[in-house]
């Protein structure tokens, strides 16, 4: 449930310049309660989950968007070669 909520916030801010900060702010501004049984370790574990998950999603999104850009660049290069000859 926690990861689903983080993912919803990430999707809203994936194209933002400050993806990480905006995602965290969105999550906590909506007053999502973080269910965790141990009050002593809650802060450390939730922080680790947030940083790990959002960092992984940022890398994944960047890889996918770069892959799409490379595909369009290949097509543009092929067209440019055809036109220049």
PDB file of N, CA and C in Angstrom:
ATOM      1  N   UNK A   1       0.821  -1.189   0.000  1.00  0.00           N
ATOM      2  CA  UNK A   1       0.000   0.000   0.000  1.00  0.00           C
ATOM      3  C   UNK A   1       0.875   1.268   0.000  1.00  0.00           C
ATOM      4  N   UNK A   2       1.950   1.225   0.752  1.00  0.00           N
ATOM      5  CA  UNK A   2       2.847   2.374   0.820  1.00  0.00           C
ATOM      6  C   UNK A   2       3.484   2.631  -0.538  1.00  0.00           C
ATOM      7  N   UNK A   3       3.947   1.579  -1.186  1.00  0.00           N
ATOM      8  CA  UNK A   3       4.601   1.716  -2.488  1.00  0.00           C
ATOM      9  C   UNK A   3       3.612   2.227  -3.537  1.00  0.00           C
ATOM     10  N   UNK A   4       2.383   1.779  -3.492  1.00  0.00           N
ATOM     11  CA  UNK A   4       1.371   2.251  -4.451  1.00  0.00           C
ATOM     12  C   UNK A   4       1.147   3.751  -4.307  1.00  0.00           C
ATOM     13  N   UNK A   5       1.112   4.221  -3.081  1.00  0.00           N
ATOM     14  CA  UNK A   5       0.922   5.661  -2.860  1.00  0.00           C
ATOM     15  C   UNK A   5       2.137   6.463  -3.317  1.00  0.00           C
ATOM     16  N   UNK A   6       3.321   5.933  -3.058  1.00  0.00           N
ATOM     17  CA  UNK A   6       4.532   6.614  -3.528  1.00  0.00           C
ATOM     18  C   UNK A   6       4.531   6.657  -5.052  1.00  0.00           C
ATOM     19  N   UNK A   7       4.134   5.553  -5.679  1.00  0.00           N
ATOM     20  CA  UNK A   7       4.101   5.488  -7.149  1.00  0.00           C
ATOM     21  C   UNK A   7       3.122   6.506  -7.729  1.00  0.00           C
ATOM     22  N   UNK A   8       1.965   6.661  -7.123  1.00  0.00           N
ATOM     23  CA  UNK A   8       0.990   7.656  -7.601  1.00  0.00           C
ATOM     24  C   UNK A   8       1.581   9.066  -7.541  1.00  0.00           C
ATOM     25  N   UNK A   9       2.272   9.360  -6.465  1.00  0.00           N
ATOM     26  CA  UNK A   9       2.901  10.678  -6.330  1.00  0.00           C
ATOM     27  C   UNK A   9       4.028  10.842  -7.342  1.00  0.00           C
ATOM     28  N   UNK A  10       4.783   9.774  -7.576  1.00  0.00           N
ATOM     29  CA  UNK A  10       5.876   9.839  -8.546  1.00  0.00           C
ATOM     30  C   UNK A  10       5.345  10.104  -9.947  1.00  0.00           C
ATOM     31  N   UNK A  11       4.279   9.433 -10.315  1.00  0.00           N
ATOM     32  CA  UNK A  11       3.704   9.593 -11.658  1.00  0.00           C
ATOM     33  C   UNK A  11       3.269  11.035 -11.892  1.00  0.00           C
ATOM     34  N   UNK A  12       2.765  11.682 -10.862  1.00  0.00           N
ATOM     35  CA  UNK A  12       2.358  13.089 -10.998  1.00  0.00           C
ATOM     36  C   UNK A  12       3.544  14.001 -11.288  1.00  0.00           C
ATOM     37  N   UNK A  13       4.695  13.676 -10.724  1.00  0.00           N
ATOM     38  CA  UNK A  13       5.838  14.589 -10.779  1.00  0.00           C
ATOM     39  C   UNK A  13       7.017  14.059 -11.590  1.00  0.00           C
ATOM     40  N   UNK A  14       6.813  13.037 -12.394  1.00  0.00           N
ATOM     41  CA  UNK A  14       7.933  12.405 -13.101  1.00  0.00           C
ATOM     42  C   UNK A  14       8.649  13.327 -14.077  1.00  0.00           C
ATOM     43  N   UNK A  15       7.987  14.338 -14.600  1.00  0.00           N
ATOM     44  CA  UNK A  15       8.622  15.251 -15.549  1.00  0.00           C
ATOM     45  C   UNK A  15       9.095  16.553 -14.899  1.00  0.00           C
ATOM     46  N   UNK A  16       8.995  16.632 -13.605  1.00  0.00           N
ATOM     47  CA  UNK A  16       9.405  17.823 -12.863  1.00  0.00           C
ATOM     48  C   UNK A  16      10.929  17.898 -12.760  1.00  0.00           C
ATOM     49  N   UNK A  17      11.450  19.097 -12.560  1.00  0.00           N
ATOM     50  CA  UNK A  17      12.890  19.271 -12.355  1.00  0.00           C
ATOM     51  C   UNK A  17      13.331  18.703 -11.001  1.00  0.00           C
ATOM     52  N   UNK A  18      12.440  18.749 -10.023  1.00  0.00           N
ATOM     53  CA  UNK A  18      12.736  18.269  -8.671  1.00  0.00           C
ATOM     54  C   UNK A  18      11.847  17.073  -8.339  1.00  0.00           C
ATOM     55  N   UNK A  19      12.039  16.003  -9.041  1.00  0.00           N
ATOM     56  CA  UNK A  19      11.157  14.836  -8.916  1.00  0.00           C
ATOM     57  C   UNK A  19      11.126  14.312  -7.494  1.00  0.00           C
ATOM     58  N   UNK A  20      12.288  14.115  -6.917  1.00  0.00           N
ATOM     59  CA  UNK A  20      12.351  13.522  -5.581  1.00  0.00           C
ATOM     60  C   UNK A  20      11.639  14.385  -4.558  1.00  0.00           C
ATOM     61  N   UNK A  21      11.999  15.662  -4.508  1.00  0.00           N
ATOM     62  CA  UNK A  21      11.404  16.568  -3.522  1.00  0.00           C
ATOM     63  C   UNK A  21       9.902  16.708  -3.718  1.00  0.00           C
ATOM     64  N   UNK A  22       9.474  16.867  -4.958  1.00  0.00           N
ATOM     65  CA  UNK A  22       8.047  17.029  -5.234  1.00  0.00           C
ATOM     66  C   UNK A  22       7.250  15.779  -4.861  1.00  0.00           C
ATOM     67  N   UNK A  23       7.837  14.612  -5.105  1.00  0.00           N
ATOM     68  CA  UNK A  23       7.147  13.367  -4.770  1.00  0.00           C
ATOM     69  C   UNK A  23       6.986  13.222  -3.260  1.00  0.00           C
ATOM     70  N   UNK A  24       8.043  13.500  -2.530  1.00  0.00           N
ATOM     71  CA  UNK A  24       7.978  13.394  -1.070  1.00  0.00           C
ATOM     72  C   UNK A  24       6.997  14.414  -0.494  1.00  0.00           C
ATOM     73  N   UNK A  25       7.052  15.649  -0.990  1.00  0.00           N
ATOM     74  CA  UNK A  25       6.122  16.676  -0.510  1.00  0.00           C
ATOM     75  C   UNK A  25       4.673  16.304  -0.809  1.00  0.00           C
ATOM     76  N   UNK A  26       4.430  15.813  -2.009  1.00  0.00           N
ATOM     77  CA  UNK A  26       3.069  15.392  -2.382  1.00  0.00           C
ATOM     78  C   UNK A  26       2.574  14.309  -1.436  1.00  0.00           C
ATOM     79  N   UNK A  27       3.426  13.355  -1.152  1.00  0.00           N
ATOM     80  CA  UNK A  27       3.048  12.244  -0.280  1.00  0.00           C
ATOM     81  C   UNK A  27       2.661  12.733   1.107  1.00  0.00           C
ATOM     82  N   UNK A  28       3.512  13.553   1.706  1.00  0.00           N
ATOM     83  CA  UNK A  28       3.249  13.986   3.082  1.00  0.00           C
ATOM     84  C   UNK A  28       2.247  15.131   3.179  1.00  0.00           C
ATOM     85  N   UNK A  29       2.088  15.932   2.126  1.00  0.00           N
ATOM     86  CA  UNK A  29       1.077  16.986   2.155  1.00  0.00           C
ATOM     87  C   UNK A  29      -0.339  16.418   2.076  1.00  0.00           C
ATOM     88  N   UNK A  30      -0.470  15.244   1.505  1.00  0.00           N
ATOM     89  CA  UNK A  30      -1.784  14.596   1.461  1.00  0.00           C
ATOM     90  C   UNK A  30      -2.078  13.820   2.728  1.00  0.00           C
ATOM     91  N   UNK A  31      -1.213  13.967   3.712  1.00  0.00           N
ATOM     92  CA  UNK A  31      -1.387  13.348   5.029  1.00  0.00           C
ATOM     93  C   UNK A  31      -1.581  11.837   4.962  1.00  0.00           C
ATOM     94  N   UNK A  32      -0.812  11.203   4.094  1.00  0.00           N
ATOM     95  CA  UNK A  32      -0.859   9.753   4.062  1.00  0.00           C
ATOM     96  C   UNK A  32      -0.257   9.216   5.352  1.00  0.00           C
ATOM     97  N   UNK A  33      -0.965   8.316   5.978  1.00  0.00           N
ATOM     98  CA  UNK A  33      -0.446   7.688   7.182  1.00  0.00           C
ATOM     99  C   UNK A  33       0.429   6.512   6.765  1.00  0.00           C
ATOM    100  N   UNK A  34       1.566   6.423   7.376  1.00  0.00           N
ATOM    101  CA  UNK A  34       2.490   5.346   7.048  1.00  0.00           C
ATOM    102  C   UNK A  34       2.319   4.244   8.082  1.00  0.00           C
ATOM    103  N   UNK A  35       1.712   3.134   7.670  1.00  0.00           N
ATOM    104  CA  UNK A  35       1.518   2.038   8.630  1.00  0.00           C
ATOM    105  C   UNK A  35       2.829   1.291   8.869  1.00  0.00           C
ATOM    106  N   UNK A  36       3.272   1.286  10.110  1.00  0.00           N
ATOM    107  CA  UNK A  36       4.497   0.573  10.438  1.00  0.00           C
ATOM    108  C   UNK A  36       4.407   0.140  11.891  1.00  0.00           C
ATOM    109  N   UNK A  37       4.640  -1.114  12.183  1.00  0.00           N
ATOM    110  CA  UNK A  37       4.394  -1.627  13.534  1.00  0.00           C
ATOM    111  C   UNK A  37       5.388  -1.145  14.595  1.00  0.00           C
ATOM    112  N   UNK A  38       6.635  -0.883  14.233  1.00  0.00           N
ATOM    113  CA  UNK A  38       7.657  -0.528  15.215  1.00  0.00           C
ATOM    114  C   UNK A  38       7.925   0.976  15.172  1.00  0.00           C
ATOM    115  N   UNK A  39       7.556   1.659  16.235  1.00  0.00           N
ATOM    116  CA  UNK A  39       7.731   3.115  16.279  1.00  0.00           C
ATOM    117  C   UNK A  39       9.201   3.519  16.344  1.00  0.00           C
ATOM    118  N   UNK A  40      10.034   2.679  16.890  1.00  0.00           N
ATOM    119  CA  UNK A  40      11.454   3.003  17.038  1.00  0.00           C
ATOM    120  C   UNK A  40      12.150   3.050  15.681  1.00  0.00           C
ATOM    121  N   UNK A  41      11.860   2.088  14.818  1.00  0.00           N
ATOM    122  CA  UNK A  41      12.544   1.981  13.530  1.00  0.00           C
ATOM    123  C   UNK A  41      11.757   2.570  12.372  1.00  0.00           C
ATOM    124  N   UNK A  42      10.582   3.072  12.637  1.00  0.00           N
ATOM    125  CA  UNK A  42       9.697   3.562  11.581  1.00  0.00           C
ATOM    126  C   UNK A  42      10.373   4.615  10.705  1.00  0.00           C
ATOM    127  N   UNK A  43      10.966   5.607  11.303  1.00  0.00           N
ATOM    128  CA  UNK A  43      11.550   6.714  10.548  1.00  0.00           C
ATOM    129  C   UNK A  43      12.682   6.240   9.628  1.00  0.00           C
ATOM    130  N   UNK A  44      13.563   5.412  10.164  1.00  0.00           N
ATOM    131  CA  UNK A  44      14.693   4.923   9.362  1.00  0.00           C
ATOM    132  C   UNK A  44      14.229   4.043   8.206  1.00  0.00           C
ATOM    133  N   UNK A  45      13.314   3.157   8.474  1.00  0.00           N
ATOM    134  CA  UNK A  45      12.851   2.225   7.446  1.00  0.00           C
ATOM    135  C   UNK A  45      12.057   2.962   6.370  1.00  0.00           C
ATOM    136  N   UNK A  46      11.180   3.859   6.760  1.00  0.00           N
ATOM    137  CA  UNK A  46      10.387   4.614   5.786  1.00  0.00           C
ATOM    138  C   UNK A  46      11.296   5.492   4.936  1.00  0.00           C
ATOM    139  N   UNK A  47      12.298   6.101   5.540  1.00  0.00           N
ATOM    140  CA  UNK A  47      13.258   6.910   4.782  1.00  0.00           C
ATOM    141  C   UNK A  47      13.998   6.046   3.755  1.00  0.00           C
ATOM    142  N   UNK A  48      14.420   4.858   4.165  1.00  0.00           N
ATOM    143  CA  UNK A  48      15.111   3.947   3.256  1.00  0.00           C
ATOM    144  C   UNK A  48      14.204   3.526   2.103  1.00  0.00           C
ATOM    145  N   UNK A  49      12.950   3.224   2.419  1.00  0.00           N
ATOM    146  CA  UNK A  49      11.992   2.825   1.374  1.00  0.00           C
ATOM    147  C   UNK A  49      11.794   3.957   0.379  1.00  0.00           C
ATOM    148  N   UNK A  50      11.584   5.166   0.872  1.00  0.00           N
ATOM    149  CA  UNK A  50      11.376   6.319  -0.007  1.00  0.00           C
ATOM    150  C   UNK A  50      12.571   6.552  -0.913  1.00  0.00           C
ATOM    151  N   UNK A  51      13.761   6.652  -0.331  1.00  0.00           N
ATOM    152  CA  UNK A  51      14.928   6.962  -1.139  1.00  0.00           C
ATOM    153  C   UNK A  51      15.231   5.864  -2.144  1.00  0.00           C
ATOM    154  N   UNK A  52      15.111   4.620  -1.718  1.00  0.00           N
ATOM    155  CA  UNK A  52      15.403   3.504  -2.629  1.00  0.00           C
ATOM    156  C   UNK A  52      14.401   3.439  -3.767  1.00  0.00           C
ATOM    157  N   UNK A  53      13.108   3.510  -3.444  1.00  0.00           N
ATOM    158  CA  UNK A  53      12.079   3.351  -4.468  1.00  0.00           C
ATOM    159  C   UNK A  53      12.075   4.517  -5.454  1.00  0.00           C
ATOM    160  N   UNK A  54      12.130   5.725  -4.941  1.00  0.00           N
ATOM    161  CA  UNK A  54      12.076   6.889  -5.835  1.00  0.00           C
ATOM    162  C   UNK A  54      13.342   6.957  -6.696  1.00  0.00           C
ATOM    163  N   UNK A  55      14.495   6.647  -6.134  1.00  0.00           N
ATOM    164  CA  UNK A  55      15.730   6.627  -6.928  1.00  0.00           C
ATOM    165  C   UNK A  55      15.652   5.583  -8.035  1.00  0.00           C
ATOM    166  N   UNK A  56      15.146   4.404  -7.710  1.00  0.00           N
ATOM    167  CA  UNK A  56      15.010   3.346  -8.703  1.00  0.00           C
ATOM    168  C   UNK A  56      14.044   3.764  -9.812  1.00  0.00           C
ATOM    169  N   UNK A  57      12.937   4.379  -9.452  1.00  0.00           N
ATOM    170  CA  UNK A  57      11.948   4.805 -10.455  1.00  0.00           C
ATOM    171  C   UNK A  57      12.500   5.941 -11.316  1.00  0.00           C
ATOM    172  N   UNK A  58      13.286   6.831 -10.718  1.00  0.00           N
ATOM    173  CA  UNK A  58      13.882   7.919 -11.493  1.00  0.00           C
ATOM    174  C   UNK A  58      14.856   7.349 -12.525  1.00  0.00           C
ATOM    175  N   UNK A  59      15.677   6.362 -12.119  1.00  0.00           N
ATOM    176  CA  UNK A  59      16.597   5.725 -13.063  1.00  0.00           C
ATOM    177  C   UNK A  59      15.845   5.007 -14.167  1.00  0.00           C
ATOM    178  N   UNK A  60      14.799   4.298 -13.788  1.00  0.00           N
ATOM    179  CA  UNK A  60      14.007   3.550 -14.764  1.00  0.00           C
ATOM    180  C   UNK A  60      13.332   4.497 -15.755  1.00  0.00           C
ATOM    181  N   UNK A  61      12.760   5.574 -15.269  1.00  0.00           N
ATOM    182  CA  UNK A  61      12.092   6.537 -16.144  1.00  0.00           C
ATOM    183  C   UNK A  61      13.095   7.213 -17.078  1.00  0.00           C
ATOM    184  N   UNK A  62      14.263   7.563 -16.533  1.00  0.00           N
ATOM    185  CA  UNK A  62      15.294   8.190 -17.368  1.00  0.00           C
ATOM    186  C   UNK A  62      15.773   7.232 -18.459  1.00  0.00           C
ATOM    187  N   UNK A  63      15.950   5.974 -18.119  1.00  0.00           N
ATOM    188  CA  UNK A  63      16.381   4.977 -19.105  1.00  0.00           C
ATOM    189  C   UNK A  63      15.341   4.848 -20.212  1.00  0.00           C
ATOM    190  N   UNK A  64      14.066   4.764 -19.837  1.00  0.00           N
ATOM    191  CA  UNK A  64      13.007   4.614 -20.838  1.00  0.00           C
ATOM    192  C   UNK A  64      12.920   5.845 -21.734  1.00  0.00           C
ATOM    193  N   UNK A  65      12.997   7.035 -21.158  1.00  0.00           N
ATOM    194  CA  UNK A  65      12.898   8.244 -21.978  1.00  0.00           C
ATOM    195  C   UNK A  65      14.132   8.411 -22.866  1.00  0.00           C
ATOM    196  N   UNK A  66      15.313   8.038 -22.376  1.00  0.00           N
ATOM    197  CA  UNK A  66      16.525   8.092 -23.205  1.00  0.00           C
ATOM    198  C   UNK A  66      16.456   7.082 -24.343  1.00  0.00           C
ATOM    199  N   UNK A  67      15.901   5.927 -24.079  1.00  0.00           N
ATOM    200  CA  UNK A  67      15.761   4.904 -25.113  1.00  0.00           C
ATOM    201  C   UNK A  67      14.846   5.394 -26.237  1.00  0.00           C
ATOM    202  N   UNK A  68      13.768   6.070 -25.868  1.00  0.00           N
ATOM    203  CA  UNK A  68      12.853   6.622 -26.877  1.00  0.00           C
ATOM    204  C   UNK A  68      13.551   7.707 -27.701  1.00  0.00           C
ATOM    205  N   UNK A  69      14.349   8.524 -27.024  1.00  0.00           N
ATOM    206  CA  UNK A  69      15.075   9.592 -27.712  1.00  0.00           C
ATOM    207  C   UNK A  69      16.081   9.015 -28.703  1.00  0.00           C
ATOM    208  N   UNK A  70      16.775   7.945 -28.320  1.00  0.00           N
ATOM    209  CA  UNK A  70      17.743   7.314 -29.213  1.00  0.00           C
ATOM    210  C   UNK A  70      17.059   6.777 -30.456  1.00  0.00           C
ATOM    211  N   UNK A  71      15.859   6.211 -30.287  1.00  0.00           N
ATOM    212  CA  UNK A  71      15.125   5.677 -31.437  1.00  0.00           C
ATOM    213  C   UNK A  71      14.759   6.786 -32.420  1.00  0.00           C
ATOM    214  N   UNK A  72      14.303   7.908 -31.911  1.00  0.00           N
ATOM    215  CA  UNK A  72      13.943   9.011 -32.807  1.00  0.00           C
ATOM    216  C   UNK A  72      15.178   9.615 -33.446  1.00  0.00           C
ATOM    217  N   UNK A  73      16.295   9.635 -32.723  1.00  0.00           N
ATOM    218  CA  UNK A  73      17.537  10.159 -33.299  1.00  0.00           C
ATOM    219  C   UNK A  73      18.031   9.269 -34.440  1.00  0.00           C
ATOM    220  N   UNK A  74      17.878   7.955 -34.308  1.00  0.00           N
ATOM    221  CA  UNK A  74      18.277   7.038 -35.377  1.00  0.00           C
ATOM    222  C   UNK A  74      17.489   7.325 -36.649  1.00  0.00           C
ATOM    223  N   UNK A  75      16.197   7.506 -36.487  1.00  0.00           N
ATOM    224  CA  UNK A  75      15.329   7.774 -37.636  1.00  0.00           C
ATOM    225  C   UNK A  75      15.720   9.103 -38.285  1.00  0.00           C
ATOM    226  N   UNK A  76      15.975  10.115 -37.475  1.00  0.00           N
ATOM    227  CA  UNK A  76      16.362  11.425 -38.010  1.00  0.00           C
ATOM    228  C   UNK A  76      17.685  11.352 -38.761  1.00  0.00           C
ATOM    229  N   UNK A  77      18.643  10.573 -38.251  1.00  0.00           N
ATOM    230  CA  UNK A  77      19.918  10.421 -38.931  1.00  0.00           C
ATOM    231  C   UNK A  77      19.750   9.730 -40.279  1.00  0.00           C
ATOM    232  N   UNK A  78      18.905   8.701 -40.332  1.00  0.00           N
ATOM    233  CA  UNK A  78      18.669   7.991 -41.589  1.00  0.00           C
ATOM    234  C   UNK A  78      18.017   8.917 -42.619  1.00  0.00           C
ATOM    235  N   UNK A  79      17.060   9.704 -42.177  1.00  0.00           N
ATOM    236  CA  UNK A  79      16.392  10.639 -43.083  1.00  0.00           C
ATOM    237  C   UNK A  79      17.381  11.693 -43.574  1.00  0.00           C
ATOM    238  N   UNK A  80      18.231  12.177 -42.675  1.00  0.00           N
ATOM    239  CA  UNK A  80      19.215  13.191 -43.060  1.00  0.00           C
ATOM    240  C   UNK A  80      20.190  12.633 -44.094  1.00  0.00           C
ATOM    241  N   UNK A  81      20.588  11.367 -43.968  1.00  0.00           N
ATOM    242  CA  UNK A  81      21.486  10.758 -44.960  1.00  0.00           C
ATOM    243  C   UNK A  81      20.822  10.639 -46.307  1.00  0.00           C
ATOM    244  N   UNK A  82      19.541  10.284 -46.308  1.00  0.00           N
ATOM    245  CA  UNK A  82      18.815  10.154 -47.573  1.00  0.00           C
ATOM    246  C   UNK A  82      18.669  11.495 -48.269  1.00  0.00           C
ATOM    247  N   UNK A  83      18.410  12.540 -47.486  1.00  0.00           N
ATOM    248  CA  UNK A  83      18.183  13.858 -48.064  1.00  0.00           C
ATOM    249  C   UNK A  83      19.499  14.475 -48.552  1.00  0.00           C
ATOM    250  N   UNK A  84      20.598  14.263 -47.838  1.00  0.00           N
ATOM    251  CA  UNK A  84      21.864  14.908 -48.187  1.00  0.00           C
ATOM    252  C   UNK A  84      22.524  14.309 -49.430  1.00  0.00           C
ATOM    253  N   UNK A  85      22.153  13.111 -49.820  1.00  0.00           N
ATOM    254  CA  UNK A  85      22.784  12.485 -50.993  1.00  0.00           C
ATOM    255  C   UNK A  85      22.209  12.962 -52.246  1.00  0.00           C
TER     256      UNK A  85
END
